[in-house]
Amino acid sequence: MHDQFDVTLEDADLLGEVELTTNLIIAASESDEHLSDDEIDRILGVTPQPRRED
């Protein structure tokens, strides 16, 4: 008989999101001030897109 609750709980995308969230929590807890948008982007590995002129 198949147990519907016997599932693998590992999800690569979810683990990546948990890691990013954990990094933000640690950085925020170590900072005396609010994190700037640039600091958050750096922690998350976000690279700014060049602005397009229409």
PDB file of N, CA and C in Angstrom:
ATOM      1  N   MET A   1       0.841  -1.185   0.000  1.00  0.00           N
ATOM      2  CA  MET A   1       0.000   0.000   0.000  1.00  0.00           C
ATOM      3  C   MET A   1       0.888   1.250   0.000  1.00  0.00           C
ATOM      4  N   HIS A   2       0.574   2.198  -0.855  1.00  0.00           N
ATOM      5  CA  HIS A   2       1.341   3.440  -0.983  1.00  0.00           C
ATOM      6  C   HIS A   2       0.944   4.414   0.127  1.00  0.00           C
ATOM      7  N   ASP A   3       1.950   4.949   0.795  1.00  0.00           N
ATOM      8  CA  ASP A   3       1.707   5.935   1.855  1.00  0.00           C
ATOM      9  C   ASP A   3       1.769   7.334   1.231  1.00  0.00           C
ATOM     10  N   GLN A   4       0.645   8.023   1.192  1.00  0.00           N
ATOM     11  CA  GLN A   4       0.590   9.351   0.566  1.00  0.00           C
ATOM     12  C   GLN A   4       1.431  10.389   1.295  1.00  0.00           C
ATOM     13  N   PHE A   5       1.804  10.112   2.537  1.00  0.00           N
ATOM     14  CA  PHE A   5       2.605  11.059   3.311  1.00  0.00           C
ATOM     15  C   PHE A   5       4.098  10.760   3.233  1.00  0.00           C
ATOM     16  N   ASP A   6       4.476   9.699   2.551  1.00  0.00           N
ATOM     17  CA  ASP A   6       5.879   9.346   2.370  1.00  0.00           C
ATOM     18  C   ASP A   6       6.380  10.037   1.107  1.00  0.00           C
ATOM     19  N   VAL A   7       6.780  11.301   1.261  1.00  0.00           N
ATOM     20  CA  VAL A   7       7.226  12.089   0.121  1.00  0.00           C
ATOM     21  C   VAL A   7       8.602  12.671   0.407  1.00  0.00           C
ATOM     22  N   THR A   8       9.326  12.935  -0.652  1.00  0.00           N
ATOM     23  CA  THR A   8      10.613  13.590  -0.517  1.00  0.00           C
ATOM     24  C   THR A   8      10.369  15.072  -0.251  1.00  0.00           C
ATOM     25  N   LEU A   9      11.008  15.588   0.775  1.00  0.00           N
ATOM     26  CA  LEU A   9      10.790  16.985   1.137  1.00  0.00           C
ATOM     27  C   LEU A   9      11.899  17.901   0.614  1.00  0.00           C
ATOM     28  N   GLU A  10      12.769  17.376  -0.219  1.00  0.00           N
ATOM     29  CA  GLU A  10      13.844  18.199  -0.745  1.00  0.00           C
ATOM     30  C   GLU A  10      13.431  18.796  -2.083  1.00  0.00           C
ATOM     31  N   ASP A  11      13.526  20.073  -2.167  1.00  0.00           N
ATOM     32  CA  ASP A  11      13.186  20.814  -3.373  1.00  0.00           C
ATOM     33  C   ASP A  11      14.302  21.838  -3.576  1.00  0.00           C
ATOM     34  N   ALA A  12      15.046  21.709  -4.649  1.00  0.00           N
ATOM     35  CA  ALA A  12      16.216  22.567  -4.874  1.00  0.00           C
ATOM     36  C   ALA A  12      15.854  24.054  -4.882  1.00  0.00           C
ATOM     37  N   ASP A  13      14.751  24.407  -5.528  1.00  0.00           N
ATOM     38  CA  ASP A  13      14.343  25.816  -5.563  1.00  0.00           C
ATOM     39  C   ASP A  13      13.996  26.318  -4.165  1.00  0.00           C
ATOM     40  N   LEU A  14      13.272  25.501  -3.421  1.00  0.00           N
ATOM     41  CA  LEU A  14      12.899  25.891  -2.058  1.00  0.00           C
ATOM     42  C   LEU A  14      14.142  26.040  -1.190  1.00  0.00           C
ATOM     43  N   LEU A  15      15.087  25.125  -1.299  1.00  0.00           N
ATOM     44  CA  LEU A  15      16.318  25.225  -0.517  1.00  0.00           C
ATOM     45  C   LEU A  15      17.078  26.504  -0.853  1.00  0.00           C
ATOM     46  N   GLY A  16      17.092  26.882  -2.128  1.00  0.00           N
ATOM     47  CA  GLY A  16      17.741  28.127  -2.529  1.00  0.00           C
ATOM     48  C   GLY A  16      17.069  29.339  -1.916  1.00  0.00           C
ATOM     49  N   GLU A  17      15.742  29.328  -1.899  1.00  0.00           N
ATOM     50  CA  GLU A  17      14.999  30.437  -1.297  1.00  0.00           C
ATOM     51  C   GLU A  17      15.245  30.511   0.203  1.00  0.00           C
ATOM     52  N   VAL A  18      15.307  29.366   0.848  1.00  0.00           N
ATOM     53  CA  VAL A  18      15.579  29.340   2.290  1.00  0.00           C
ATOM     54  C   VAL A  18      16.971  29.898   2.565  1.00  0.00           C
ATOM     55  N   GLU A  19      17.942  29.557   1.729  1.00  0.00           N
ATOM     56  CA  GLU A  19      19.297  30.066   1.910  1.00  0.00           C
ATOM     57  C   GLU A  19      19.334  31.589   1.753  1.00  0.00           C
ATOM     58  N   LEU A  20      18.665  32.113   0.732  1.00  0.00           N
ATOM     59  CA  LEU A  20      18.629  33.566   0.533  1.00  0.00           C
ATOM     60  C   LEU A  20      17.962  34.268   1.710  1.00  0.00           C
ATOM     61  N   THR A  21      16.848  33.703   2.176  1.00  0.00           N
ATOM     62  CA  THR A  21      16.138  34.291   3.306  1.00  0.00           C
ATOM     63  C   THR A  21      17.012  34.270   4.560  1.00  0.00           C
ATOM     64  N   THR A  22      17.691  33.154   4.771  1.00  0.00           N
ATOM     65  CA  THR A  22      18.580  33.034   5.929  1.00  0.00           C
ATOM     66  C   THR A  22      19.696  34.066   5.857  1.00  0.00           C
ATOM     67  N   ASN A  23      20.277  34.251   4.671  1.00  0.00           N
ATOM     68  CA  ASN A  23      21.336  35.257   4.506  1.00  0.00           C
ATOM     69  C   ASN A  23      20.828  36.652   4.835  1.00  0.00           C
ATOM     70  N   LEU A  24      19.600  36.968   4.411  1.00  0.00           N
ATOM     71  CA  LEU A  24      19.021  38.280   4.738  1.00  0.00           C
ATOM     72  C   LEU A  24      18.793  38.437   6.241  1.00  0.00           C
ATOM     73  N   ILE A  25      18.285  37.399   6.872  1.00  0.00           N
ATOM     74  CA  ILE A  25      18.031  37.450   8.319  1.00  0.00           C
ATOM     75  C   ILE A  25      19.332  37.670   9.078  1.00  0.00           C
ATOM     76  N   ILE A  26      20.373  36.947   8.690  1.00  0.00           N
ATOM     77  CA  ILE A  26      21.665  37.094   9.376  1.00  0.00           C
ATOM     78  C   ILE A  26      22.213  38.502   9.177  1.00  0.00           C
ATOM     79  N   ALA A  27      22.182  38.995   7.947  1.00  0.00           N
ATOM     80  CA  ALA A  27      22.701  40.342   7.673  1.00  0.00           C
ATOM     81  C   ALA A  27      21.912  41.395   8.443  1.00  0.00           C
ATOM     82  N   ALA A  28      20.599  41.259   8.487  1.00  0.00           N
ATOM     83  CA  ALA A  28      19.763  42.229   9.209  1.00  0.00           C
ATOM     84  C   ALA A  28      20.040  42.184  10.705  1.00  0.00           C
ATOM     85  N   SER A  29      20.257  40.992  11.234  1.00  0.00           N
ATOM     86  CA  SER A  29      20.491  40.873  12.678  1.00  0.00           C
ATOM     87  C   SER A  29      21.860  41.414  13.078  1.00  0.00           C
ATOM     88  N   GLU A  30      22.799  41.440  12.137  1.00  0.00           N
ATOM     89  CA  GLU A  30      24.140  41.949  12.424  1.00  0.00           C
ATOM     90  C   GLU A  30      24.273  43.443  12.176  1.00  0.00           C
ATOM     91  N   SER A  31      23.248  44.052  11.602  1.00  0.00           N
ATOM     92  CA  SER A  31      23.304  45.467  11.252  1.00  0.00           C
ATOM     93  C   SER A  31      22.575  46.309  12.296  1.00  0.00           C
ATOM     94  N   ASP A  32      23.154  47.465  12.606  1.00  0.00           N
ATOM     95  CA  ASP A  32      22.506  48.392  13.536  1.00  0.00           C
ATOM     96  C   ASP A  32      21.445  49.237  12.834  1.00  0.00           C
ATOM     97  N   GLU A  33      21.513  49.322  11.534  1.00  0.00           N
ATOM     98  CA  GLU A  33      20.596  50.117  10.723  1.00  0.00           C
ATOM     99  C   GLU A  33      19.785  49.214   9.807  1.00  0.00           C
ATOM    100  N   HIS A  34      18.799  49.793   9.151  1.00  0.00           N
ATOM    101  CA  HIS A  34      18.061  49.052   8.131  1.00  0.00           C
ATOM    102  C   HIS A  34      19.007  48.759   6.970  1.00  0.00           C
ATOM    103  N   LEU A  35      18.817  47.627   6.334  1.00  0.00           N
ATOM    104  CA  LEU A  35      19.613  47.314   5.149  1.00  0.00           C
ATOM    105  C   LEU A  35      19.119  48.179   3.988  1.00  0.00           C
ATOM    106  N   SER A  36      20.070  48.723   3.243  1.00  0.00           N
ATOM    107  CA  SER A  36      19.696  49.521   2.077  1.00  0.00           C
ATOM    108  C   SER A  36      19.282  48.580   0.941  1.00  0.00           C
ATOM    109  N   ASP A  37      18.615  49.139  -0.048  1.00  0.00           N
ATOM    110  CA  ASP A  37      18.237  48.330  -1.212  1.00  0.00           C
ATOM    111  C   ASP A  37      19.471  47.728  -1.878  1.00  0.00           C
ATOM    112  N   ASP A  38      20.555  48.501  -1.946  1.00  0.00           N
ATOM    113  CA  ASP A  38      21.785  48.000  -2.559  1.00  0.00           C
ATOM    114  C   ASP A  38      22.371  46.839  -1.757  1.00  0.00           C
ATOM    115  N   GLU A  39      22.329  46.936  -0.426  1.00  0.00           N
ATOM    116  CA  GLU A  39      22.829  45.842   0.410  1.00  0.00           C
ATOM    117  C   GLU A  39      21.987  44.578   0.225  1.00  0.00           C
ATOM    118  N   ILE A  40      20.685  44.754   0.179  1.00  0.00           N
ATOM    119  CA  ILE A  40      19.785  43.610  -0.028  1.00  0.00           C
ATOM    120  C   ILE A  40      20.043  42.974  -1.388  1.00  0.00           C
ATOM    121  N   ASP A  41      20.184  43.806  -2.416  1.00  0.00           N
ATOM    122  CA  ASP A  41      20.473  43.289  -3.752  1.00  0.00           C
ATOM    123  C   ASP A  41      21.783  42.503  -3.764  1.00  0.00           C
ATOM    124  N   ARG A  42      22.807  43.022  -3.079  1.00  0.00           N
ATOM    125  CA  ARG A  42      24.103  42.338  -3.028  1.00  0.00           C
ATOM    126  C   ARG A  42      23.965  40.978  -2.344  1.00  0.00           C
ATOM    127  N   ILE A  43      23.251  40.924  -1.231  1.00  0.00           N
ATOM    128  CA  ILE A  43      23.049  39.673  -0.498  1.00  0.00           C
ATOM    129  C   ILE A  43      22.299  38.658  -1.353  1.00  0.00           C
ATOM    130  N   LEU A  44      21.317  39.135  -2.095  1.00  0.00           N
ATOM    131  CA  LEU A  44      20.507  38.242  -2.930  1.00  0.00           C
ATOM    132  C   LEU A  44      21.160  37.921  -4.267  1.00  0.00           C
ATOM    133  N   GLY A  45      22.255  38.610  -4.576  1.00  0.00           N
ATOM    134  CA  GLY A  45      22.932  38.362  -5.840  1.00  0.00           C
ATOM    135  C   GLY A  45      22.238  38.991  -7.028  1.00  0.00           C
ATOM    136  N   VAL A  46      21.480  40.059  -6.761  1.00  0.00           N
ATOM    137  CA  VAL A  46      20.764  40.751  -7.828  1.00  0.00           C
ATOM    138  C   VAL A  46      21.726  41.707  -8.519  1.00  0.00           C
ATOM    139  N   THR A  47      21.731  41.668  -9.828  1.00  0.00           N
ATOM    140  CA  THR A  47      22.529  42.611 -10.590  1.00  0.00           C
ATOM    141  C   THR A  47      21.603  43.576 -11.299  1.00  0.00           C
ATOM    142  N   PRO A  48      21.894  44.851 -11.197  1.00  0.00           N
ATOM    143  CA  PRO A  48      21.013  45.835 -11.816  1.00  0.00           C
ATOM    144  C   PRO A  48      20.997  45.700 -13.338  1.00  0.00           C
ATOM    145  N   GLN A  49      19.831  45.890 -13.905  1.00  0.00           N
ATOM    146  CA  GLN A  49      19.682  45.880 -15.355  1.00  0.00           C
ATOM    147  C   GLN A  49      20.004  47.275 -15.879  1.00  0.00           C
ATOM    148  N   PRO A  50      20.718  47.349 -17.001  1.00  0.00           N
ATOM    149  CA  PRO A  50      20.988  48.676 -17.560  1.00  0.00           C
ATOM    150  C   PRO A  50      19.676  49.334 -17.964  1.00  0.00           C
ATOM    151  N   ARG A  51      19.601  50.619 -17.724  1.00  0.00           N
ATOM    152  CA  ARG A  51      18.390  51.362 -18.071  1.00  0.00           C
ATOM    153  C   ARG A  51      18.305  51.528 -19.577  1.00  0.00           C
ATOM    154  N   ARG A  52      17.106  51.285 -20.079  1.00  0.00           N
ATOM    155  CA  ARG A  52      16.850  51.464 -21.510  1.00  0.00           C
ATOM    156  C   ARG A  52      16.259  52.841 -21.736  1.00  0.00           C
ATOM    157  N   GLU A  53      16.754  53.485 -22.761  1.00  0.00           N
ATOM    158  CA  GLU A  53      16.167  54.764 -23.123  1.00  0.00           C
ATOM    159  C   GLU A  53      15.215  54.508 -24.280  1.00  0.00           C
ATOM    160  N   ASP A  54      13.962  54.893 -24.105  1.00  0.00           N
ATOM    161  CA  ASP A  54      12.948  54.662 -25.126  1.00  0.00           C
ATOM    162  C   ASP A  54      12.946  55.734 -26.179  1.00  0.00           C
TER     163      ASP A  54
END
